[in-house]
Amino acid sequence: MPTSNRESIRNDRRYVGLHNDLYGGMTPIGNIIRDAWVFGILPEDQTCDGWEIGQIQALQSQVNAKWDEYGLRPSALPDDLRERHERIHNEAIARAREHGWVPGRDIDSDMDDNG
């Protein structure tokens, strides 16, 4: 499993895939992929393993356009999308915690175990 966000991209400039990324994708690219699932841009079994940077950037543009429709707020999503967003992101958080993820630790390495 990668140890830093820099390792989210292989040396050949391809994405390692959501499940191989830091804590199962608790990275900016992981958020893009999960949001693409929410909006139906990608099927939920697409982890983008092996995707080139340009493909990820194009996906990000599509996801950003969808978020713009809702003012960048999950609370503004229609019920079905809001429920899907909550499910997908809660599942990701649970998986990440099983792998030792502590919210904020990747931002502040001096945080103690109590956050």
PDB file of N, CA and C in Angstrom:
ATOM      1  N   MET A   1       0.852  -1.181   0.000  1.00  0.00           N
ATOM      2  CA  MET A   1       0.000   0.000   0.000  1.00  0.00           C
ATOM      3  C   MET A   1       0.890   1.234   0.000  1.00  0.00           C
ATOM      4  N   PRO A   2       0.570   2.250  -0.787  1.00  0.00           N
ATOM      5  CA  PRO A   2       1.390   3.447  -0.828  1.00  0.00           C
ATOM      6  C   PRO A   2       1.460   4.108   0.543  1.00  0.00           C
ATOM      7  N   THR A   3       2.538   4.827   0.766  1.00  0.00           N
ATOM      8  CA  THR A   3       2.715   5.494   2.046  1.00  0.00           C
ATOM      9  C   THR A   3       2.538   6.998   1.968  1.00  0.00           C
ATOM     10  N   SER A   4       2.414   7.553   0.780  1.00  0.00           N
ATOM     11  CA  SER A   4       2.203   8.991   0.668  1.00  0.00           C
ATOM     12  C   SER A   4       1.352   9.282  -0.557  1.00  0.00           C
ATOM     13  N   ASN A   5       0.778  10.491  -0.592  1.00  0.00           N
ATOM     14  CA  ASN A   5      -0.038  10.871  -1.738  1.00  0.00           C
ATOM     15  C   ASN A   5       0.778  10.855  -3.024  1.00  0.00           C
ATOM     16  N   ARG A   6       2.073  11.124  -2.936  1.00  0.00           N
ATOM     17  CA  ARG A   6       2.907  11.095  -4.133  1.00  0.00           C
ATOM     18  C   ARG A   6       2.923   9.711  -4.754  1.00  0.00           C
ATOM     19  N   GLU A   7       2.754   8.687  -3.941  1.00  0.00           N
ATOM     20  CA  GLU A   7       2.792   7.325  -4.448  1.00  0.00           C
ATOM     21  C   GLU A   7       1.468   6.905  -5.068  1.00  0.00           C
ATOM     22  N   SER A   8       0.486   7.811  -5.128  1.00  0.00           N
ATOM     23  CA  SER A   8      -0.780   7.515  -5.771  1.00  0.00           C
ATOM     24  C   SER A   8      -0.598   7.306  -7.264  1.00  0.00           C
ATOM     25  N   ILE A   9       0.487   7.868  -7.794  1.00  0.00           N
ATOM     26  CA  ILE A   9       0.784   7.747  -9.213  1.00  0.00           C
ATOM     27  C   ILE A   9       2.052   6.916  -9.349  1.00  0.00           C
ATOM     28  N   ARG A  10       1.975   5.880 -10.164  1.00  0.00           N
ATOM     29  CA  ARG A  10       3.155   5.050 -10.404  1.00  0.00           C
ATOM     30  C   ARG A  10       4.224   5.865 -11.118  1.00  0.00           C
ATOM     31  N   ASN A  11       5.427   5.331 -11.138  1.00  0.00           N
ATOM     32  CA  ASN A  11       6.521   6.013 -11.815  1.00  0.00           C
ATOM     33  C   ASN A  11       6.244   6.250 -13.289  1.00  0.00           C
ATOM     34  N   ASP A  12       5.432   5.409 -13.913  1.00  0.00           N
ATOM     35  CA  ASP A  12       5.128   5.608 -15.328  1.00  0.00           C
ATOM     36  C   ASP A  12       3.953   6.567 -15.524  1.00  0.00           C
ATOM     37  N   ARG A  13       3.604   7.307 -14.458  1.00  0.00           N
ATOM     38  CA  ARG A  13       2.559   8.340 -14.493  1.00  0.00           C
ATOM     39  C   ARG A  13       1.158   7.750 -14.657  1.00  0.00           C
ATOM     40  N   ARG A  14       0.967   6.569 -14.142  1.00  0.00           N
ATOM     41  CA  ARG A  14      -0.349   5.935 -14.143  1.00  0.00           C
ATOM     42  C   ARG A  14      -0.821   5.771 -12.708  1.00  0.00           C
ATOM     43  N   TYR A  15      -2.113   5.905 -12.525  1.00  0.00           N
ATOM     44  CA  TYR A  15      -2.699   5.799 -11.193  1.00  0.00           C
ATOM     45  C   TYR A  15      -2.657   4.350 -10.721  1.00  0.00           C
ATOM     46  N   VAL A  16      -2.374   4.167  -9.439  1.00  0.00           N
ATOM     47  CA  VAL A  16      -2.228   2.823  -8.876  1.00  0.00           C
ATOM     48  C   VAL A  16      -3.560   2.106  -8.683  1.00  0.00           C
ATOM     49  N   GLY A  17      -4.649   2.821  -8.756  1.00  0.00           N
ATOM     50  CA  GLY A  17      -5.970   2.236  -8.537  1.00  0.00           C
ATOM     51  C   GLY A  17      -6.473   2.565  -7.145  1.00  0.00           C
ATOM     52  N   LEU A  18      -7.761   2.764  -7.022  1.00  0.00           N
ATOM     53  CA  LEU A  18      -8.369   3.207  -5.772  1.00  0.00           C
ATOM     54  C   LEU A  18      -8.000   2.313  -4.596  1.00  0.00           C
ATOM     55  N   HIS A  19      -8.095   1.006  -4.764  1.00  0.00           N
ATOM     56  CA  HIS A  19      -7.854   0.097  -3.649  1.00  0.00           C
ATOM     57  C   HIS A  19      -6.376  -0.073  -3.325  1.00  0.00           C
ATOM     58  N   ASN A  20      -5.493   0.360  -4.213  1.00  0.00           N
ATOM     59  CA  ASN A  20      -4.052   0.299  -3.965  1.00  0.00           C
ATOM     60  C   ASN A  20      -3.503   1.641  -3.496  1.00  0.00           C
ATOM     61  N   ASP A  21      -4.333   2.645  -3.480  1.00  0.00           N
ATOM     62  CA  ASP A  21      -3.934   3.985  -3.084  1.00  0.00           C
ATOM     63  C   ASP A  21      -3.900   4.070  -1.562  1.00  0.00           C
ATOM     64  N   LEU A  22      -3.373   5.151  -1.048  1.00  0.00           N
ATOM     65  CA  LEU A  22      -3.217   5.369   0.382  1.00  0.00           C
ATOM     66  C   LEU A  22      -4.531   5.120   1.112  1.00  0.00           C
ATOM     67  N   TYR A  23      -4.508   4.179   2.063  1.00  0.00           N
ATOM     68  CA  TYR A  23      -5.678   3.818   2.867  1.00  0.00           C
ATOM     69  C   TYR A  23      -6.915   3.552   2.004  1.00  0.00           C
ATOM     70  N   GLY A  24      -6.734   2.895   0.893  1.00  0.00           N
ATOM     71  CA  GLY A  24      -7.868   2.548   0.039  1.00  0.00           C
ATOM     72  C   GLY A  24      -8.454   3.737  -0.698  1.00  0.00           C
ATOM     73  N   GLY A  25      -7.631   4.754  -0.919  1.00  0.00           N
ATOM     74  CA  GLY A  25      -8.083   5.879  -1.727  1.00  0.00           C
ATOM     75  C   GLY A  25      -8.500   7.105  -0.949  1.00  0.00           C
ATOM     76  N   MET A  26      -7.974   7.293   0.226  1.00  0.00           N
ATOM     77  CA  MET A  26      -8.288   8.508   0.989  1.00  0.00           C
ATOM     78  C   MET A  26      -7.348   9.627   0.539  1.00  0.00           C
ATOM     79  N   THR A  27      -7.445   9.931  -0.730  1.00  0.00           N
ATOM     80  CA  THR A  27      -6.611  10.931  -1.394  1.00  0.00           C
ATOM     81  C   THR A  27      -7.513  11.782  -2.284  1.00  0.00           C
ATOM     82  N   PRO A  28      -7.002  12.877  -2.797  1.00  0.00           N
ATOM     83  CA  PRO A  28      -7.817  13.672  -3.728  1.00  0.00           C
ATOM     84  C   PRO A  28      -8.301  12.862  -4.939  1.00  0.00           C
ATOM     85  N   ILE A  29      -7.441  12.018  -5.484  1.00  0.00           N
ATOM     86  CA  ILE A  29      -7.869  11.199  -6.626  1.00  0.00           C
ATOM     87  C   ILE A  29      -8.951  10.221  -6.191  1.00  0.00           C
ATOM     88  N   GLY A  30      -8.811   9.646  -5.019  1.00  0.00           N
ATOM     89  CA  GLY A  30      -9.844   8.749  -4.507  1.00  0.00           C
ATOM     90  C   GLY A  30     -11.182   9.448  -4.376  1.00  0.00           C
ATOM     91  N   ASN A  31     -11.175  10.684  -3.910  1.00  0.00           N
ATOM     92  CA  ASN A  31     -12.426  11.446  -3.801  1.00  0.00           C
ATOM     93  C   ASN A  31     -13.050  11.693  -5.163  1.00  0.00           C
ATOM     94  N   ILE A  32     -12.224  11.965  -6.164  1.00  0.00           N
ATOM     95  CA  ILE A  32     -12.741  12.170  -7.520  1.00  0.00           C
ATOM     96  C   ILE A  32     -13.443  10.910  -7.998  1.00  0.00           C
ATOM     97  N   ILE A  33     -12.804   9.766  -7.792  1.00  0.00           N
ATOM     98  CA  ILE A  33     -13.380   8.496  -8.249  1.00  0.00           C
ATOM     99  C   ILE A  33     -14.690   8.211  -7.526  1.00  0.00           C
ATOM    100  N   ARG A  34     -14.700   8.361  -6.205  1.00  0.00           N
ATOM    101  CA  ARG A  34     -15.942   8.104  -5.463  1.00  0.00           C
ATOM    102  C   ARG A  34     -17.059   9.053  -5.893  1.00  0.00           C
ATOM    103  N   ASP A  35     -16.722  10.317  -6.118  1.00  0.00           N
ATOM    104  CA  ASP A  35     -17.747  11.252  -6.576  1.00  0.00           C
ATOM    105  C   ASP A  35     -18.225  10.911  -7.982  1.00  0.00           C
ATOM    106  N   ALA A  36     -17.326  10.385  -8.808  1.00  0.00           N
ATOM    107  CA  ALA A  36     -17.748   9.928 -10.137  1.00  0.00           C
ATOM    108  C   ALA A  36     -18.736   8.774 -10.011  1.00  0.00           C
ATOM    109  N   TRP A  37     -18.551   7.922  -9.002  1.00  0.00           N
ATOM    110  CA  TRP A  37     -19.525   6.856  -8.736  1.00  0.00           C
ATOM    111  C   TRP A  37     -20.861   7.463  -8.336  1.00  0.00           C
ATOM    112  N   VAL A  38     -20.804   8.445  -7.443  1.00  0.00           N
ATOM    113  CA  VAL A  38     -22.036   9.084  -6.953  1.00  0.00           C
ATOM    114  C   VAL A  38     -22.852   9.600  -8.118  1.00  0.00           C
ATOM    115  N   PHE A  39     -22.200  10.283  -9.040  1.00  0.00           N
ATOM    116  CA  PHE A  39     -22.910  10.916 -10.154  1.00  0.00           C
ATOM    117  C   PHE A  39     -23.168   9.975 -11.321  1.00  0.00           C
ATOM    118  N   GLY A  40     -22.735   8.727 -11.216  1.00  0.00           N
ATOM    119  CA  GLY A  40     -22.973   7.766 -12.289  1.00  0.00           C
ATOM    120  C   GLY A  40     -22.060   7.973 -13.489  1.00  0.00           C
ATOM    121  N   ILE A  41     -20.989   8.725 -13.311  1.00  0.00           N
ATOM    122  CA  ILE A  41     -20.023   8.922 -14.390  1.00  0.00           C
ATOM    123  C   ILE A  41     -19.226   7.641 -14.604  1.00  0.00           C
ATOM    124  N   LEU A  42     -18.931   6.961 -13.508  1.00  0.00           N
ATOM    125  CA  LEU A  42     -18.250   5.668 -13.539  1.00  0.00           C
ATOM    126  C   LEU A  42     -19.086   4.641 -12.781  1.00  0.00           C
ATOM    127  N   PRO A  43     -19.020   3.377 -13.192  1.00  0.00           N
ATOM    128  CA  PRO A  43     -19.650   2.335 -12.379  1.00  0.00           C
ATOM    129  C   PRO A  43     -18.843   2.145 -11.096  1.00  0.00           C
ATOM    130  N   GLU A  44     -19.494   1.698 -10.046  1.00  0.00           N
ATOM    131  CA  GLU A  44     -18.832   1.580  -8.749  1.00  0.00           C
ATOM    132  C   GLU A  44     -17.723   0.528  -8.706  1.00  0.00           C
ATOM    133  N   ASP A  45     -17.608  -0.305  -9.712  1.00  0.00           N
ATOM    134  CA  ASP A  45     -16.511  -1.268  -9.720  1.00  0.00           C
ATOM    135  C   ASP A  45     -15.297  -0.759 -10.500  1.00  0.00           C
ATOM    136  N   GLN A  46     -15.365   0.458 -11.035  1.00  0.00           N
ATOM    137  CA  GLN A  46     -14.234   1.051 -11.761  1.00  0.00           C
ATOM    138  C   GLN A  46     -13.321   1.757 -10.759  1.00  0.00           C
ATOM    139  N   THR A  47     -12.101   1.242 -10.593  1.00  0.00           N
ATOM    140  CA  THR A  47     -11.156   1.808  -9.632  1.00  0.00           C
ATOM    141  C   THR A  47     -10.048   2.621 -10.309  1.00  0.00           C
ATOM    142  N   CYS A  48     -10.088   2.704 -11.616  1.00  0.00           N
ATOM    143  CA  CYS A  48      -9.160   3.524 -12.414  1.00  0.00           C
ATOM    144  C   CYS A  48      -7.715   3.049 -12.342  1.00  0.00           C
ATOM    145  N   ASP A  49      -7.509   1.797 -12.008  1.00  0.00           N
ATOM    146  CA  ASP A  49      -6.164   1.220 -11.981  1.00  0.00           C
ATOM    147  C   ASP A  49      -5.540   1.332 -13.372  1.00  0.00           C
ATOM    148  N   GLY A  50      -4.348   1.932 -13.414  1.00  0.00           N
ATOM    149  CA  GLY A  50      -3.626   2.060 -14.672  1.00  0.00           C
ATOM    150  C   GLY A  50      -3.995   3.279 -15.499  1.00  0.00           C
ATOM    151  N   TRP A  51      -4.916   4.090 -15.012  1.00  0.00           N
ATOM    152  CA  TRP A  51      -5.300   5.281 -15.769  1.00  0.00           C
ATOM    153  C   TRP A  51      -4.149   6.272 -15.824  1.00  0.00           C
ATOM    154  N   GLU A  52      -4.024   6.950 -16.950  1.00  0.00           N
ATOM    155  CA  GLU A  52      -3.036   8.010 -17.101  1.00  0.00           C
ATOM    156  C   GLU A  52      -3.552   9.289 -16.452  1.00  0.00           C
ATOM    157  N   ILE A  53      -2.626  10.183 -16.140  1.00  0.00           N
ATOM    158  CA  ILE A  53      -2.972  11.442 -15.483  1.00  0.00           C
ATOM    159  C   ILE A  53      -4.036  12.202 -16.276  1.00  0.00           C
ATOM    160  N   GLY A  54      -3.919  12.240 -17.573  1.00  0.00           N
ATOM    161  CA  GLY A  54      -4.892  12.952 -18.403  1.00  0.00           C
ATOM    162  C   GLY A  54      -6.297  12.402 -18.243  1.00  0.00           C
ATOM    163  N   GLN A  55      -6.419  11.090 -18.086  1.00  0.00           N
ATOM    164  CA  GLN A  55      -7.731  10.484 -17.879  1.00  0.00           C
ATOM    165  C   GLN A  55      -8.312  10.912 -16.539  1.00  0.00           C
ATOM    166  N   ILE A  56      -7.466  10.952 -15.513  1.00  0.00           N
ATOM    167  CA  ILE A  56      -7.922  11.384 -14.188  1.00  0.00           C
ATOM    168  C   ILE A  56      -8.342  12.847 -14.243  1.00  0.00           C
ATOM    169  N   GLN A  57      -7.582  13.679 -14.945  1.00  0.00           N
ATOM    170  CA  GLN A  57      -7.924  15.096 -15.058  1.00  0.00           C
ATOM    171  C   GLN A  57      -9.244  15.289 -15.795  1.00  0.00           C
ATOM    172  N   ALA A  58      -9.482  14.508 -16.833  1.00  0.00           N
ATOM    173  CA  ALA A  58     -10.754  14.593 -17.558  1.00  0.00           C
ATOM    174  C   ALA A  58     -11.907  14.169 -16.655  1.00  0.00           C
ATOM    175  N   LEU A  59     -11.687  13.131 -15.874  1.00  0.00           N
ATOM    176  CA  LEU A  59     -12.710  12.677 -14.928  1.00  0.00           C
ATOM    177  C   LEU A  59     -12.989  13.777 -13.904  1.00  0.00           C
ATOM    178  N   GLN A  60     -11.933  14.406 -13.409  1.00  0.00           N
ATOM    179  CA  GLN A  60     -12.104  15.487 -12.443  1.00  0.00           C
ATOM    180  C   GLN A  60     -12.945  16.624 -13.033  1.00  0.00           C
ATOM    181  N   SER A  61     -12.733  16.949 -14.278  1.00  0.00           N
ATOM    182  CA  SER A  61     -13.524  18.001 -14.930  1.00  0.00           C
ATOM    183  C   SER A  61     -14.999  17.623 -14.979  1.00  0.00           C
ATOM    184  N   GLN A  62     -15.293  16.374 -15.279  1.00  0.00           N
ATOM    185  CA  GLN A  62     -16.679  15.909 -15.319  1.00  0.00           C
ATOM    186  C   GLN A  62     -17.310  15.963 -13.931  1.00  0.00           C
ATOM    187  N   VAL A  63     -16.562  15.514 -12.931  1.00  0.00           N
ATOM    188  CA  VAL A  63     -17.059  15.526 -11.555  1.00  0.00           C
ATOM    189  C   VAL A  63     -17.284  16.968 -11.095  1.00  0.00           C
ATOM    190  N   ASN A  64     -16.330  17.845 -11.384  1.00  0.00           N
ATOM    191  CA  ASN A  64     -16.482  19.250 -10.995  1.00  0.00           C
ATOM    192  C   ASN A  64     -17.716  19.879 -11.622  1.00  0.00           C
ATOM    193  N   ALA A  65     -17.974  19.560 -12.875  1.00  0.00           N
ATOM    194  CA  ALA A  65     -19.154  20.104 -13.550  1.00  0.00           C
ATOM    195  C   ALA A  65     -20.439  19.644 -12.857  1.00  0.00           C
ATOM    196  N   LYS A  66     -20.470  18.395 -12.434  1.00  0.00           N
ATOM    197  CA  LYS A  66     -21.656  17.887 -11.716  1.00  0.00           C
ATOM    198  C   LYS A  66     -21.801  18.590 -10.367  1.00  0.00           C
ATOM    199  N   TRP A  67     -20.692  18.735  -9.629  1.00  0.00           N
ATOM    200  CA  TRP A  67     -20.777  19.415  -8.339  1.00  0.00           C
ATOM    201  C   TRP A  67     -21.233  20.861  -8.508  1.00  0.00           C
ATOM    202  N   ASP A  68     -20.807  21.511  -9.588  1.00  0.00           N
ATOM    203  CA  ASP A  68     -21.228  22.888  -9.836  1.00  0.00           C
ATOM    204  C   ASP A  68     -22.745  23.000  -9.940  1.00  0.00           C
ATOM    205  N   GLU A  69     -23.380  21.973 -10.466  1.00  0.00           N
ATOM    206  CA  GLU A  69     -24.851  21.965 -10.587  1.00  0.00           C
ATOM    207  C   GLU A  69     -25.524  22.017  -9.212  1.00  0.00           C
ATOM    208  N   TYR A  70     -24.826  21.577  -8.196  1.00  0.00           N
ATOM    209  CA  TYR A  70     -25.400  21.497  -6.847  1.00  0.00           C
ATOM    210  C   TYR A  70     -24.680  22.421  -5.870  1.00  0.00           C
ATOM    211  N   GLY A  71     -23.992  23.412  -6.396  1.00  0.00           N
ATOM    212  CA  GLY A  71     -23.333  24.382  -5.542  1.00  0.00           C
ATOM    213  C   GLY A  71     -22.271  23.793  -4.641  1.00  0.00           C
ATOM    214  N   LEU A  72     -21.683  22.676  -5.066  1.00  0.00           N
ATOM    215  CA  LEU A  72     -20.609  22.007  -4.316  1.00  0.00           C
ATOM    216  C   LEU A  72     -21.051  21.535  -2.936  1.00  0.00           C
ATOM    217  N   ARG A  73     -22.365  21.321  -2.747  1.00  0.00           N
ATOM    218  CA  ARG A  73     -22.874  20.927  -1.426  1.00  0.00           C
ATOM    219  C   ARG A  73     -23.618  19.600  -1.496  1.00  0.00           C
ATOM    220  N   PRO A  74     -23.161  18.607  -0.735  1.00  0.00           N
ATOM    221  CA  PRO A  74     -23.900  17.338  -0.687  1.00  0.00           C
ATOM    222  C   PRO A  74     -25.347  17.533  -0.240  1.00  0.00           C
ATOM    223  N   SER A  75     -25.592  18.499   0.625  1.00  0.00           N
ATOM    224  CA  SER A  75     -26.963  18.737   1.102  1.00  0.00           C
ATOM    225  C   SER A  75     -27.893  19.205  -0.011  1.00  0.00           C
ATOM    226  N   ALA A  76     -27.337  19.709  -1.107  1.00  0.00           N
ATOM    227  CA  ALA A  76     -28.164  20.176  -2.227  1.00  0.00           C
ATOM    228  C   ALA A  76     -28.457  19.064  -3.234  1.00  0.00           C
ATOM    229  N   LEU A  77     -27.852  17.890  -3.040  1.00  0.00           N
ATOM    230  CA  LEU A  77     -28.087  16.778  -3.955  1.00  0.00           C
ATOM    231  C   LEU A  77     -29.517  16.273  -3.812  1.00  0.00           C
ATOM    232  N   PRO A  78     -30.116  15.774  -4.894  1.00  0.00           N
ATOM    233  CA  PRO A  78     -31.412  15.106  -4.773  1.00  0.00           C
ATOM    234  C   PRO A  78     -31.271  13.904  -3.838  1.00  0.00           C
ATOM    235  N   ASP A  79     -32.366  13.474  -3.262  1.00  0.00           N
ATOM    236  CA  ASP A  79     -32.330  12.407  -2.253  1.00  0.00           C
ATOM    237  C   ASP A  79     -31.534  11.185  -2.698  1.00  0.00           C
ATOM    238  N   ASP A  80     -31.756  10.707  -3.933  1.00  0.00           N
ATOM    239  CA  ASP A  80     -31.070   9.488  -4.373  1.00  0.00           C
ATOM    240  C   ASP A  80     -29.560   9.689  -4.446  1.00  0.00           C
ATOM    241  N   LEU A  81     -29.117  10.838  -4.951  1.00  0.00           N
ATOM    242  CA  LEU A  81     -27.689  11.101  -5.028  1.00  0.00           C
ATOM    243  C   LEU A  81     -27.088  11.359  -3.641  1.00  0.00           C
ATOM    244  N   ARG A  82     -27.824  12.042  -2.789  1.00  0.00           N
ATOM    245  CA  ARG A  82     -27.334  12.309  -1.434  1.00  0.00           C
ATOM    246  C   ARG A  82     -27.161  10.996  -0.670  1.00  0.00           C
ATOM    247  N   GLU A  83     -28.122  10.094  -0.812  1.00  0.00           N
ATOM    248  CA  GLU A  83     -28.028   8.790  -0.147  1.00  0.00           C
ATOM    249  C   GLU A  83     -26.866   7.971  -0.706  1.00  0.00           C
ATOM    250  N   ARG A  84     -26.663   8.011  -2.024  1.00  0.00           N
ATOM    251  CA  ARG A  84     -25.546   7.287  -2.637  1.00  0.00           C
ATOM    252  C   ARG A  84     -24.224   7.890  -2.164  1.00  0.00           C
ATOM    253  N   HIS A  85     -24.141   9.221  -2.127  1.00  0.00           N
ATOM    254  CA  HIS A  85     -22.942   9.907  -1.652  1.00  0.00           C
ATOM    255  C   HIS A  85     -22.606   9.472  -0.223  1.00  0.00           C
ATOM    256  N   GLU A  86     -23.591   9.484   0.632  1.00  0.00           N
ATOM    257  CA  GLU A  86     -23.382   9.103   2.028  1.00  0.00           C
ATOM    258  C   GLU A  86     -22.910   7.658   2.136  1.00  0.00           C
ATOM    259  N   ARG A  87     -23.565   6.756   1.408  1.00  0.00           N
ATOM    260  CA  ARG A  87     -23.183   5.337   1.454  1.00  0.00           C
ATOM    261  C   ARG A  87     -21.750   5.135   0.959  1.00  0.00           C
ATOM    262  N   ILE A  88     -21.440   5.666  -0.198  1.00  0.00           N
ATOM    263  CA  ILE A  88     -20.123   5.461  -0.797  1.00  0.00           C
ATOM    264  C   ILE A  88     -19.022   6.028   0.094  1.00  0.00           C
ATOM    265  N   HIS A  89     -19.216   7.234   0.577  1.00  0.00           N
ATOM    266  CA  HIS A  89     -18.172   7.852   1.391  1.00  0.00           C
ATOM    267  C   HIS A  89     -18.079   7.221   2.784  1.00  0.00           C
ATOM    268  N   ASN A  90     -19.191   6.818   3.365  1.00  0.00           N
ATOM    269  CA  ASN A  90     -19.133   6.130   4.663  1.00  0.00           C
ATOM    270  C   ASN A  90     -18.425   4.786   4.544  1.00  0.00           C
ATOM    271  N   GLU A  91     -18.685   4.048   3.462  1.00  0.00           N
ATOM    272  CA  GLU A  91     -17.994   2.783   3.238  1.00  0.00           C
ATOM    273  C   GLU A  91     -16.494   3.008   3.073  1.00  0.00           C
ATOM    274  N   ALA A  92     -16.113   4.062   2.366  1.00  0.00           N
ATOM    275  CA  ALA A  92     -14.694   4.371   2.163  1.00  0.00           C
ATOM    276  C   ALA A  92     -14.022   4.728   3.488  1.00  0.00           C
ATOM    277  N   ILE A  93     -14.705   5.485   4.310  1.00  0.00           N
ATOM    278  CA  ILE A  93     -14.157   5.867   5.615  1.00  0.00           C
ATOM    279  C   ILE A  93     -13.970   4.631   6.488  1.00  0.00           C
ATOM    280  N   ALA A  94     -14.950   3.756   6.488  1.00  0.00           N
ATOM    281  CA  ALA A  94     -14.849   2.533   7.296  1.00  0.00           C
ATOM    282  C   ALA A  94     -13.677   1.671   6.828  1.00  0.00           C
ATOM    283  N   ARG A  95     -13.520   1.499   5.501  1.00  0.00           N
ATOM    284  CA  ARG A  95     -12.400   0.718   4.967  1.00  0.00           C
ATOM    285  C   ARG A  95     -11.069   1.359   5.340  1.00  0.00           C
ATOM    286  N   ALA A  96     -10.992   2.668   5.219  1.00  0.00           N
ATOM    287  CA  ALA A  96      -9.746   3.379   5.523  1.00  0.00           C
ATOM    288  C   ALA A  96      -9.373   3.221   6.992  1.00  0.00           C
ATOM    289  N   ARG A  97     -10.357   3.325   7.869  1.00  0.00           N
ATOM    290  CA  ARG A  97     -10.075   3.163   9.302  1.00  0.00           C
ATOM    291  C   ARG A  97      -9.594   1.745   9.601  1.00  0.00           C
ATOM    292  N   GLU A  98     -10.138   0.744   8.900  1.00  0.00           N
ATOM    293  CA  GLU A  98      -9.675  -0.631   9.076  1.00  0.00           C
ATOM    294  C   GLU A  98      -8.202  -0.775   8.701  1.00  0.00           C
ATOM    295  N   HIS A  99      -7.735   0.093   7.802  1.00  0.00           N
ATOM    296  CA  HIS A  99      -6.343   0.071   7.359  1.00  0.00           C
ATOM    297  C   HIS A  99      -5.478   1.071   8.129  1.00  0.00           C
ATOM    298  N   GLY A 100      -6.006   1.613   9.218  1.00  0.00           N
ATOM    299  CA  GLY A 100      -5.212   2.478  10.071  1.00  0.00           C
ATOM    300  C   GLY A 100      -5.310   3.961   9.800  1.00  0.00           C
ATOM    301  N   TRP A 101      -6.210   4.363   8.917  1.00  0.00           N
ATOM    302  CA  TRP A 101      -6.360   5.791   8.608  1.00  0.00           C
ATOM    303  C   TRP A 101      -6.912   6.545   9.805  1.00  0.00           C
ATOM    304  N   VAL A 102      -6.299   7.676  10.097  1.00  0.00           N
ATOM    305  CA  VAL A 102      -6.776   8.575  11.139  1.00  0.00           C
ATOM    306  C   VAL A 102      -7.045   9.915  10.462  1.00  0.00           C
ATOM    307  N   PRO A 103      -8.275  10.408  10.493  1.00  0.00           N
ATOM    308  CA  PRO A 103      -8.582  11.678   9.832  1.00  0.00           C
ATOM    309  C   PRO A 103      -7.640  12.791  10.282  1.00  0.00           C
ATOM    310  N   GLY A 104      -7.085  13.498   9.316  1.00  0.00           N
ATOM    311  CA  GLY A 104      -6.213  14.615   9.604  1.00  0.00           C
ATOM    312  C   GLY A 104      -4.753  14.267   9.770  1.00  0.00           C
ATOM    313  N   ARG A 105      -4.444  13.015  10.034  1.00  0.00           N
ATOM    314  CA  ARG A 105      -3.047  12.637  10.265  1.00  0.00           C
ATOM    315  C   ARG A 105      -2.196  12.876   9.023  1.00  0.00           C
ATOM    316  N   ASP A 106      -2.769  12.681   7.828  1.00  0.00           N
ATOM    317  CA  ASP A 106      -1.995  12.909   6.609  1.00  0.00           C
ATOM    318  C   ASP A 106      -1.703  14.392   6.399  1.00  0.00           C
ATOM    319  N   ILE A 107      -2.466  15.244   7.074  1.00  0.00           N
ATOM    320  CA  ILE A 107      -2.254  16.686   6.984  1.00  0.00           C
ATOM    321  C   ILE A 107      -1.295  17.147   8.065  1.00  0.00           C
ATOM    322  N   ASP A 108      -1.452  16.607   9.280  1.00  0.00           N
ATOM    323  CA  ASP A 108      -0.633  17.010  10.417  1.00  0.00           C
ATOM    324  C   ASP A 108      -0.018  15.771  11.042  1.00  0.00           C
ATOM    325  N   SER A 109       1.207  15.466  10.665  1.00  0.00           N
ATOM    326  CA  SER A 109       1.847  14.240  11.147  1.00  0.00           C
ATOM    327  C   SER A 109       2.169  14.290  12.634  1.00  0.00           C
ATOM    328  N   ASP A 110       2.020  15.442  13.277  1.00  0.00           N
ATOM    329  CA  ASP A 110       2.287  15.553  14.702  1.00  0.00           C
ATOM    330  C   ASP A 110       1.061  15.233  15.561  1.00  0.00           C
ATOM    331  N   MET A 111      -0.068  14.935  14.902  1.00  0.00           N
ATOM    332  CA  MET A 111      -1.274  14.616  15.667  1.00  0.00           C
ATOM    333  C   MET A 111      -1.056  13.340  16.461  1.00  0.00           C
ATOM    334  N   ASP A 112      -1.614  13.297  17.670  1.00  0.00           N
ATOM    335  CA  ASP A 112      -1.518  12.071  18.452  1.00  0.00           C
ATOM    336  C   ASP A 112      -2.668  11.143  18.078  1.00  0.00           C
ATOM    337  N   ASP A 113      -2.706   9.963  18.672  1.00  0.00           N
ATOM    338  CA  ASP A 113      -3.738   8.982  18.326  1.00  0.00           C
ATOM    339  C   ASP A 113      -5.139   9.441  18.710  1.00  0.00           C
ATOM    340  N   ASN A 114      -5.271  10.429  19.536  1.00  0.00           N
ATOM    341  CA  ASN A 114      -6.603  10.917  19.913  1.00  0.00           C
ATOM    342  C   ASN A 114      -7.106  11.987  18.966  1.00  0.00           C
ATOM    343  N   GLY A 115      -6.304  12.345  17.941  1.00  0.00           N
ATOM    344  CA  GLY A 115      -6.704  13.322  16.932  1.00  0.00           C
ATOM    345  C   GLY A 115      -6.874  14.653  17.520  1.00  0.00           C
TER     346      GLY A 115
END
